C-alpha cells in the first residue's frame, strides 16, 4: 500500500521564506577578471536567490559573481554563493 505524501512534513523541512519556482533556463555567469562568460542552467528561482548548475568546477567559483539571465542581454543579478554541493551552487541575490 502506498502512503500519501505529507505536505506538512515537507513544509517543515523547507525553511525558505519566499516561494521557489522550478525552471530549466540557460543563462551565463560572469566571473570577475574573466571576459568570457561561463554557461549555466538555472534550476530553480525565488525572489531572493537561485540554484544553478555551472559549466565550471565549483571549487574555482568565486563567492561573488554576476548572473546574466538572458544570453547577450543586459538583464543580470549580482550574486553571492551561499552553498555548493557536487552538482549545484545556491546563490543569494545582492
Foldseek 3Di string as FASTA:
>chain_A
DDDDDDVVVVVVVDPDPWDKAADWAWWWKAAPPDDDTWIKTFGMDTPFWTKIFTPDPPVPGDQWTKIGRDPPDPDIFIWGFDDDDPGITITTTD
